[in-house]
């Protein structure tokens, strides 16, 4: 199973969640929200085969942490995964659109110039400018749009550009979410509970809850859960093959 967007460091007991996930052979992409969080978060992947760590600077923090781009640059050669990055156009953050874009442009350009990276991208109420930036920097073929909530037209553009999509139980609960997922190319879909921010009732979702999304996809696609799991595994292998593993990467 695959959890391609997990805030592993933000669980109450990150070490326990990491150990349980690795033992269960769940492939986890542990994202960071600031470069300063990288070292501590990446340590959770030590001696764990199934956990990788993405280097990020979350758009909701861009206006406070843009000075950490120098640190981002110095750490980038340690991982082929970048995230959580992107843009956030919601009311609370739209006044910081300029600095968000400056940070996102820098992240994409630097990653491209260092040989490319696999991205997990936030695009809440900002799908159009996110897609424009991916097109401008020629990064769409390794960009995974996390919990995509744009319009069907924006989804079609993302698909045309070659973007990927990570989806979870919360997205699949809504009619709009299911409608979007039904239009996504099955060979460009991955799963992600988005724990600990997404919940099942009052309980934060964890990587093992990816099974919920697998079962939901099985219903939506009209296939068995095993077939979904096989498709997702093929998708992950294809995506990861697009960026060579770095010598320094654990």
C-alpha atoms as a PDB file:
ATOM      1  CA  UNK A   1       0.000   0.000   0.000  1.00  0.00           C
ATOM      2  CA  UNK A   2       1.041   3.579  -0.611  1.00  0.00           C
ATOM      3  CA  UNK A   3       0.736   6.744   1.463  1.00  0.00           C
ATOM      4  CA  UNK A   4       2.232   9.399  -0.782  1.00  0.00           C
ATOM      5  CA  UNK A   5       1.547  12.394   1.456  1.00  0.00           C
ATOM      6  CA  UNK A   6       1.998  12.014   5.196  1.00  0.00           C
ATOM      7  CA  UNK A   7       2.992  14.590   7.830  1.00  0.00           C
ATOM      8  CA  UNK A   8       4.797  11.921   9.802  1.00  0.00           C
ATOM      9  CA  UNK A   9       6.553  14.375  12.111  1.00  0.00           C
ATOM     10  CA  UNK A  10       3.251  15.919  13.227  1.00  0.00           C
ATOM     11  CA  UNK A  11       1.714  12.795  14.760  1.00  0.00           C
ATOM     12  CA  UNK A  12       1.638  12.636  18.563  1.00  0.00           C
ATOM     13  CA  UNK A  13       4.070   9.708  18.414  1.00  0.00           C
ATOM     14  CA  UNK A  14       5.931   9.907  15.073  1.00  0.00           C
ATOM     15  CA  UNK A  15       8.371   7.124  15.943  1.00  0.00           C
ATOM     16  CA  UNK A  16       5.555   4.656  16.632  1.00  0.00           C
ATOM     17  CA  UNK A  17       3.684   5.533  13.428  1.00  0.00           C
ATOM     18  CA  UNK A  18       6.883   5.253  11.398  1.00  0.00           C
ATOM     19  CA  UNK A  19       7.770   1.880  12.908  1.00  0.00           C
ATOM     20  CA  UNK A  20       4.284   0.453  12.420  1.00  0.00           C
ATOM     21  CA  UNK A  21       4.090   1.680   8.827  1.00  0.00           C
ATOM     22  CA  UNK A  22       7.463   0.264   7.888  1.00  0.00           C
ATOM     23  CA  UNK A  23       6.681  -3.079   9.521  1.00  0.00           C
ATOM     24  CA  UNK A  24       3.424  -3.228   7.543  1.00  0.00           C
ATOM     25  CA  UNK A  25       5.403  -2.481   4.346  1.00  0.00           C
ATOM     26  CA  UNK A  26       3.424   0.653   3.590  1.00  0.00           C
ATOM     27  CA  UNK A  27       5.359   2.961   1.270  1.00  0.00           C
ATOM     28  CA  UNK A  28       5.260   6.348   3.029  1.00  0.00           C
ATOM     29  CA  UNK A  29       6.339   9.702   1.651  1.00  0.00           C
ATOM     30  CA  UNK A  30       6.879  11.844   4.736  1.00  0.00           C
ATOM     31  CA  UNK A  31       6.522  15.513   3.805  1.00  0.00           C
ATOM     32  CA  UNK A  32       7.984  18.525   5.585  1.00  0.00           C
ATOM     33  CA  UNK A  33       6.523  22.001   5.906  1.00  0.00           C
ATOM     34  CA  UNK A  34       9.801  23.908   6.359  1.00  0.00           C
ATOM     35  CA  UNK A  35      13.434  23.168   5.497  1.00  0.00           C
ATOM     36  CA  UNK A  36      14.321  23.496   9.192  1.00  0.00           C
ATOM     37  CA  UNK A  37      12.140  20.463   9.882  1.00  0.00           C
ATOM     38  CA  UNK A  38      14.101  18.311   7.423  1.00  0.00           C
ATOM     39  CA  UNK A  39      16.791  16.796   9.657  1.00  0.00           C
ATOM     40  CA  UNK A  40      14.493  15.665  12.452  1.00  0.00           C
ATOM     41  CA  UNK A  41      11.823  14.402  10.076  1.00  0.00           C
ATOM     42  CA  UNK A  42      14.282  12.598   7.834  1.00  0.00           C
ATOM     43  CA  UNK A  43      15.670  10.792  10.883  1.00  0.00           C
ATOM     44  CA  UNK A  44      12.337   8.932  11.077  1.00  0.00           C
ATOM     45  CA  UNK A  45      13.331   7.112   7.884  1.00  0.00           C
ATOM     46  CA  UNK A  46      16.612   5.796   9.343  1.00  0.00           C
ATOM     47  CA  UNK A  47      16.927   2.030   8.773  1.00  0.00           C
ATOM     48  CA  UNK A  48      13.378   1.908   7.386  1.00  0.00           C
ATOM     49  CA  UNK A  49      13.075   0.542   3.857  1.00  0.00           C
ATOM     50  CA  UNK A  50       9.633   1.883   3.065  1.00  0.00           C
ATOM     51  CA  UNK A  51       9.840   5.503   4.247  1.00  0.00           C
ATOM     52  CA  UNK A  52      11.188   8.428   2.228  1.00  0.00           C
ATOM     53  CA  UNK A  53      11.263  12.093   3.206  1.00  0.00           C
ATOM     54  CA  UNK A  54      10.356  15.064   1.031  1.00  0.00           C
ATOM     55  CA  UNK A  55      11.980  18.472   1.508  1.00  0.00           C
ATOM     56  CA  UNK A  56       9.312  21.184   1.591  1.00  0.00           C
ATOM     57  CA  UNK A  57       8.260  24.731   2.288  1.00  0.00           C
ATOM     58  CA  UNK A  58       4.491  24.850   2.686  1.00  0.00           C
ATOM     59  CA  UNK A  59       2.726  27.733   0.890  1.00  0.00           C
ATOM     60  CA  UNK A  60       0.837  28.654   4.067  1.00  0.00           C
ATOM     61  CA  UNK A  61       4.213  29.311   5.698  1.00  0.00           C
ATOM     62  CA  UNK A  62       5.965  30.895   2.721  1.00  0.00           C
ATOM     63  CA  UNK A  63       5.502  34.470   3.949  1.00  0.00           C
ATOM     64  CA  UNK A  64       7.082  33.571   7.300  1.00  0.00           C
ATOM     65  CA  UNK A  65       9.794  31.190   6.133  1.00  0.00           C
ATOM     66  CA  UNK A  66      10.923  32.386   2.707  1.00  0.00           C
ATOM     67  CA  UNK A  67      14.393  33.081   4.137  1.00  0.00           C
ATOM     68  CA  UNK A  68      14.773  29.315   4.510  1.00  0.00           C
ATOM     69  CA  UNK A  69      15.161  28.949   0.738  1.00  0.00           C
ATOM     70  CA  UNK A  70      18.933  29.074   1.207  1.00  0.00           C
ATOM     71  CA  UNK A  71      18.633  26.104   3.563  1.00  0.00           C
ATOM     72  CA  UNK A  72      16.316  24.401   1.078  1.00  0.00           C
ATOM     73  CA  UNK A  73      19.002  24.732  -1.605  1.00  0.00           C
ATOM     74  CA  UNK A  74      21.685  23.292   0.666  1.00  0.00           C
ATOM     75  CA  UNK A  75      19.554  20.230   1.516  1.00  0.00           C
ATOM     76  CA  UNK A  76      18.110  19.499  -1.905  1.00  0.00           C
ATOM     77  CA  UNK A  77      20.856  17.105  -2.958  1.00  0.00           C
ATOM     78  CA  UNK A  78      19.889  14.780  -0.089  1.00  0.00           C
ATOM     79  CA  UNK A  79      16.518  13.752  -1.549  1.00  0.00           C
ATOM     80  CA  UNK A  80      14.732  13.282  -4.846  1.00  0.00           C
ATOM     81  CA  UNK A  81      11.390  14.187  -3.234  1.00  0.00           C
ATOM     82  CA  UNK A  82      10.153  17.761  -2.725  1.00  0.00           C
ATOM     83  CA  UNK A  83       7.050  18.651  -0.746  1.00  0.00           C
ATOM     84  CA  UNK A  84       4.866  19.937   0.600  1.00  0.00           C
ATOM     85  CA  UNK A  85       5.192  22.903  -1.741  1.00  0.00           C
ATOM     86  CA  UNK A  86       2.807  24.842  -3.958  1.00  0.00           C
ATOM     87  CA  UNK A  87       0.310  27.679  -3.689  1.00  0.00           C
ATOM     88  CA  UNK A  88      -2.701  28.404  -1.467  1.00  0.00           C
ATOM     89  CA  UNK A  89      -5.340  30.832  -2.725  1.00  0.00           C
ATOM     90  CA  UNK A  90      -7.739  30.521   0.194  1.00  0.00           C
ATOM     91  CA  UNK A  91      -8.921  33.748   1.809  1.00  0.00           C
ATOM     92  CA  UNK A  92      -6.545  33.565   4.748  1.00  0.00           C
ATOM     93  CA  UNK A  93      -3.447  33.301   2.544  1.00  0.00           C
ATOM     94  CA  UNK A  94      -4.229  34.982  -0.763  1.00  0.00           C
ATOM     95  CA  UNK A  95      -2.665  38.257   0.423  1.00  0.00           C
ATOM     96  CA  UNK A  96       0.670  36.419   0.394  1.00  0.00           C
ATOM     97  CA  UNK A  97       0.311  35.276  -3.218  1.00  0.00           C
ATOM     98  CA  UNK A  98       3.436  37.106  -4.408  1.00  0.00           C
ATOM     99  CA  UNK A  99       5.798  35.523  -1.896  1.00  0.00           C
ATOM    100  CA  UNK A 100       4.152  32.130  -2.364  1.00  0.00           C
ATOM    101  CA  UNK A 101       4.808  32.341  -6.086  1.00  0.00           C
ATOM    102  CA  UNK A 102       8.376  33.504  -5.570  1.00  0.00           C
ATOM    103  CA  UNK A 103       9.053  30.543  -3.301  1.00  0.00           C
ATOM    104  CA  UNK A 104       7.308  28.060  -5.609  1.00  0.00           C
ATOM    105  CA  UNK A 105       9.131  29.343  -8.689  1.00  0.00           C
ATOM    106  CA  UNK A 106      12.440  29.037  -6.856  1.00  0.00           C
ATOM    107  CA  UNK A 107      11.700  25.496  -5.687  1.00  0.00           C
ATOM    108  CA  UNK A 108      10.676  24.338  -9.162  1.00  0.00           C
ATOM    109  CA  UNK A 109      13.556  26.041 -10.972  1.00  0.00           C
ATOM    110  CA  UNK A 110      16.195  24.818  -8.525  1.00  0.00           C
ATOM    111  CA  UNK A 111      14.816  21.280  -8.552  1.00  0.00           C
ATOM    112  CA  UNK A 112      14.768  21.233 -12.343  1.00  0.00           C
ATOM    113  CA  UNK A 113      18.327  22.553 -12.546  1.00  0.00           C
ATOM    114  CA  UNK A 114      19.529  19.853 -10.107  1.00  0.00           C
ATOM    115  CA  UNK A 115      18.289  17.067 -12.378  1.00  0.00           C
ATOM    116  CA  UNK A 116      14.599  16.991 -11.473  1.00  0.00           C
ATOM    117  CA  UNK A 117      12.629  15.932  -8.424  1.00  0.00           C
ATOM    118  CA  UNK A 118       9.343  14.206  -7.580  1.00  0.00           C
ATOM    119  CA  UNK A 119       6.960  16.776  -6.116  1.00  0.00           C
ATOM    120  CA  UNK A 120       3.920  16.603  -3.857  1.00  0.00           C
ATOM    121  CA  UNK A 121       2.034  19.832  -4.450  1.00  0.00           C
ATOM    122  CA  UNK A 122      -0.595  21.831  -2.576  1.00  0.00           C
ATOM    123  CA  UNK A 123      -2.976  23.720  -4.890  1.00  0.00           C
ATOM    124  CA  UNK A 124      -5.994  24.694  -2.783  1.00  0.00           C
ATOM    125  CA  UNK A 125      -7.926  27.403  -4.667  1.00  0.00           C
ATOM    126  CA  UNK A 126      -4.811  27.912  -6.766  1.00  0.00           C
ATOM    127  CA  UNK A 127      -4.900  25.163  -9.381  1.00  0.00           C
ATOM    128  CA  UNK A 128      -4.562  27.531 -12.348  1.00  0.00           C
ATOM    129  CA  UNK A 129      -1.370  29.298 -11.186  1.00  0.00           C
ATOM    130  CA  UNK A 130       0.100  25.985  -9.983  1.00  0.00           C
ATOM    131  CA  UNK A 131      -0.415  24.434 -13.411  1.00  0.00           C
ATOM    132  CA  UNK A 132       0.966  27.531 -15.086  1.00  0.00           C
ATOM    133  CA  UNK A 133       4.127  27.302 -12.980  1.00  0.00           C
ATOM    134  CA  UNK A 134       4.546  23.585 -13.690  1.00  0.00           C
ATOM    135  CA  UNK A 135       4.192  24.268 -17.395  1.00  0.00           C
ATOM    136  CA  UNK A 136       6.631  27.184 -17.246  1.00  0.00           C
ATOM    137  CA  UNK A 137       9.301  25.184 -15.435  1.00  0.00           C
ATOM    138  CA  UNK A 138       8.620  21.921 -17.308  1.00  0.00           C
ATOM    139  CA  UNK A 139       8.084  19.978 -14.062  1.00  0.00           C
ATOM    140  CA  UNK A 140       4.601  18.531 -14.609  1.00  0.00           C
ATOM    141  CA  UNK A 141       5.672  14.978 -15.474  1.00  0.00           C
ATOM    142  CA  UNK A 142       6.874  14.342 -11.912  1.00  0.00           C
ATOM    143  CA  UNK A 143       4.365  16.560 -10.085  1.00  0.00           C
ATOM    144  CA  UNK A 144       1.820  14.869  -7.813  1.00  0.00           C
ATOM    145  CA  UNK A 145      -1.140  17.127  -7.058  1.00  0.00           C
ATOM    146  CA  UNK A 146      -2.099  16.374  -3.479  1.00  0.00           C
ATOM    147  CA  UNK A 147      -5.865  16.384  -2.714  1.00  0.00           C
ATOM    148  CA  UNK A 148      -6.656  18.174  -5.974  1.00  0.00           C
ATOM    149  CA  UNK A 149      -9.835  20.279  -5.687  1.00  0.00           C
ATOM    150  CA  UNK A 150      -9.822  22.378  -8.844  1.00  0.00           C
ATOM    151  CA  UNK A 151     -12.400  22.462 -11.627  1.00  0.00           C
ATOM    152  CA  UNK A 152     -12.921  19.724 -14.179  1.00  0.00           C
ATOM    153  CA  UNK A 153     -11.341  21.967 -16.799  1.00  0.00           C
ATOM    154  CA  UNK A 154      -8.271  22.424 -14.584  1.00  0.00           C
ATOM    155  CA  UNK A 155      -8.172  18.671 -14.014  1.00  0.00           C
ATOM    156  CA  UNK A 156      -8.213  18.093 -17.761  1.00  0.00           C
ATOM    157  CA  UNK A 157      -5.329  20.549 -18.175  1.00  0.00           C
ATOM    158  CA  UNK A 158      -3.356  18.836 -15.404  1.00  0.00           C
ATOM    159  CA  UNK A 159      -3.942  15.487 -17.080  1.00  0.00           C
ATOM    160  CA  UNK A 160      -2.842  16.873 -20.448  1.00  0.00           C
ATOM    161  CA  UNK A 161       0.347  18.199 -18.836  1.00  0.00           C
ATOM    162  CA  UNK A 162       1.084  14.742 -17.435  1.00  0.00           C
ATOM    163  CA  UNK A 163       0.538  15.486 -13.739  1.00  0.00           C
ATOM    164  CA  UNK A 164      -0.144  12.828 -11.126  1.00  0.00           C
ATOM    165  CA  UNK A 165      -2.748  12.854  -8.358  1.00  0.00           C
ATOM    166  CA  UNK A 166      -2.746  11.616  -4.764  1.00  0.00           C
ATOM    167  CA  UNK A 167      -6.157  11.025  -3.251  1.00  0.00           C
ATOM    168  CA  UNK A 168      -7.459   9.967   0.138  1.00  0.00           C
ATOM    169  CA  UNK A 169     -10.590   8.966   2.038  1.00  0.00           C
ATOM    170  CA  UNK A 170     -11.611  12.551   2.795  1.00  0.00           C
ATOM    171  CA  UNK A 171     -11.556  13.516  -0.886  1.00  0.00           C
ATOM    172  CA  UNK A 172     -13.532  10.421  -1.850  1.00  0.00           C
ATOM    173  CA  UNK A 173     -16.296  11.163   0.645  1.00  0.00           C
ATOM    174  CA  UNK A 174     -17.622  14.109  -1.363  1.00  0.00           C
ATOM    175  CA  UNK A 175     -19.539  13.940  -4.635  1.00  0.00           C
ATOM    176  CA  UNK A 176     -17.210  16.510  -6.207  1.00  0.00           C
ATOM    177  CA  UNK A 177     -14.157  14.545  -5.108  1.00  0.00           C
ATOM    178  CA  UNK A 178     -15.490  11.299  -6.551  1.00  0.00           C
ATOM    179  CA  UNK A 179     -16.398  13.064  -9.782  1.00  0.00           C
ATOM    180  CA  UNK A 180     -12.866  14.444 -10.117  1.00  0.00           C
ATOM    181  CA  UNK A 181     -11.263  11.100  -9.304  1.00  0.00           C
ATOM    182  CA  UNK A 182     -13.434   9.329 -11.864  1.00  0.00           C
ATOM    183  CA  UNK A 183     -11.904  11.603 -14.553  1.00  0.00           C
ATOM    184  CA  UNK A 184      -8.304  11.069 -13.462  1.00  0.00           C
ATOM    185  CA  UNK A 185      -6.191   8.650 -15.525  1.00  0.00           C
ATOM    186  CA  UNK A 186      -5.876   5.495 -13.443  1.00  0.00           C
ATOM    187  CA  UNK A 187      -2.205   5.119 -14.324  1.00  0.00           C
ATOM    188  CA  UNK A 188      -1.441   8.514 -12.717  1.00  0.00           C
ATOM    189  CA  UNK A 189      -3.186   8.023  -9.367  1.00  0.00           C
ATOM    190  CA  UNK A 190      -1.627   7.393  -5.939  1.00  0.00           C
ATOM    191  CA  UNK A 191      -3.172   7.250  -2.467  1.00  0.00           C
ATOM    192  CA  UNK A 192      -2.683   9.367   0.677  1.00  0.00           C
ATOM    193  CA  UNK A 193      -4.727   9.602   3.874  1.00  0.00           C
ATOM    194  CA  UNK A 194      -3.050  13.009   4.626  1.00  0.00           C
ATOM    195  CA  UNK A 195      -2.574  12.207   8.295  1.00  0.00           C
ATOM    196  CA  UNK A 196      -2.733  13.536  10.867  1.00  0.00           C
ATOM    197  CA  UNK A 197      -4.751  16.429   9.368  1.00  0.00           C
ATOM    198  CA  UNK A 198      -7.492  14.312   7.773  1.00  0.00           C
ATOM    199  CA  UNK A 199      -9.742  12.373  10.147  1.00  0.00           C
ATOM    200  CA  UNK A 200     -12.036   9.378  10.310  1.00  0.00           C
ATOM    201  CA  UNK A 201     -14.586  10.634  12.799  1.00  0.00           C
ATOM    202  CA  UNK A 202     -12.473  12.207  15.550  1.00  0.00           C
ATOM    203  CA  UNK A 203      -9.471   9.971  14.890  1.00  0.00           C
ATOM    204  CA  UNK A 204      -6.536  11.275  12.813  1.00  0.00           C
ATOM    205  CA  UNK A 205      -5.870   9.078   9.796  1.00  0.00           C
ATOM    206  CA  UNK A 206      -2.534   7.280   9.689  1.00  0.00           C
ATOM    207  CA  UNK A 207      -0.707   5.517   6.833  1.00  0.00           C
ATOM    208  CA  UNK A 208      -2.487   2.196   7.438  1.00  0.00           C
ATOM    209  CA  UNK A 209      -5.782   3.939   6.665  1.00  0.00           C
ATOM    210  CA  UNK A 210      -4.778   4.065   3.024  1.00  0.00           C
ATOM    211  CA  UNK A 211      -6.778   0.832   2.793  1.00  0.00           C
ATOM    212  CA  UNK A 212      -9.926   2.966   3.086  1.00  0.00           C
ATOM    213  CA  UNK A 213      -8.998   4.830  -0.092  1.00  0.00           C
ATOM    214  CA  UNK A 214      -8.111   1.571  -1.849  1.00  0.00           C
ATOM    215  CA  UNK A 215     -11.557   0.156  -1.092  1.00  0.00           C
ATOM    216  CA  UNK A 216     -13.248   3.398  -2.172  1.00  0.00           C
ATOM    217  CA  UNK A 217     -11.337   3.342  -5.462  1.00  0.00           C
ATOM    218  CA  UNK A 218     -12.320  -0.284  -6.012  1.00  0.00           C
ATOM    219  CA  UNK A 219     -15.980   0.735  -5.872  1.00  0.00           C
ATOM    220  CA  UNK A 220     -15.469   3.798  -8.043  1.00  0.00           C
ATOM    221  CA  UNK A 221     -13.460   1.922 -10.680  1.00  0.00           C
ATOM    222  CA  UNK A 222     -15.595  -1.231 -10.543  1.00  0.00           C
ATOM    223  CA  UNK A 223     -12.646  -3.546  -9.841  1.00  0.00           C
ATOM    224  CA  UNK A 224     -11.321  -5.504  -6.858  1.00  0.00           C
ATOM    225  CA  UNK A 225      -9.207  -3.963  -4.107  1.00  0.00           C
ATOM    226  CA  UNK A 226      -6.332  -6.226  -5.196  1.00  0.00           C
ATOM    227  CA  UNK A 227      -6.518  -4.805  -8.709  1.00  0.00           C
ATOM    228  CA  UNK A 228      -6.444  -1.268  -7.316  1.00  0.00           C
ATOM    229  CA  UNK A 229      -3.430  -2.118  -5.167  1.00  0.00           C
ATOM    230  CA  UNK A 230      -1.607  -3.585  -8.172  1.00  0.00           C
ATOM    231  CA  UNK A 231      -2.379  -0.518 -10.303  1.00  0.00           C
ATOM    232  CA  UNK A 232      -1.121   1.836  -7.587  1.00  0.00           C
ATOM    233  CA  UNK A 233       2.091  -0.168  -7.206  1.00  0.00           C
ATOM    234  CA  UNK A 234       2.709   0.030 -10.957  1.00  0.00           C
ATOM    235  CA  UNK A 235       2.024   3.762 -10.858  1.00  0.00           C
ATOM    236  CA  UNK A 236       4.522   4.338  -8.058  1.00  0.00           C
ATOM    237  CA  UNK A 237       7.234   2.350  -9.830  1.00  0.00           C
ATOM    238  CA  UNK A 238       6.708   4.385 -12.984  1.00  0.00           C
ATOM    239  CA  UNK A 239       6.801   7.730 -11.167  1.00  0.00           C
ATOM    240  CA  UNK A 240       9.902   6.877  -9.121  1.00  0.00           C
ATOM    241  CA  UNK A 241      11.725   5.661 -12.234  1.00  0.00           C
ATOM    242  CA  UNK A 242      11.526   9.155 -13.706  1.00  0.00           C
ATOM    243  CA  UNK A 243      14.063  10.615 -11.250  1.00  0.00           C
ATOM    244  CA  UNK A 244      17.233   8.587 -10.477  1.00  0.00           C
ATOM    245  CA  UNK A 245      17.959   7.837  -6.844  1.00  0.00           C
ATOM    246  CA  UNK A 246      20.610  10.145  -5.376  1.00  0.00           C
ATOM    247  CA  UNK A 247      23.804   8.833  -3.784  1.00  0.00           C
ATOM    248  CA  UNK A 248      23.066  10.713  -0.578  1.00  0.00           C
ATOM    249  CA  UNK A 249      19.458   9.497  -0.329  1.00  0.00           C
ATOM    250  CA  UNK A 250      18.481   7.021   2.348  1.00  0.00           C
END
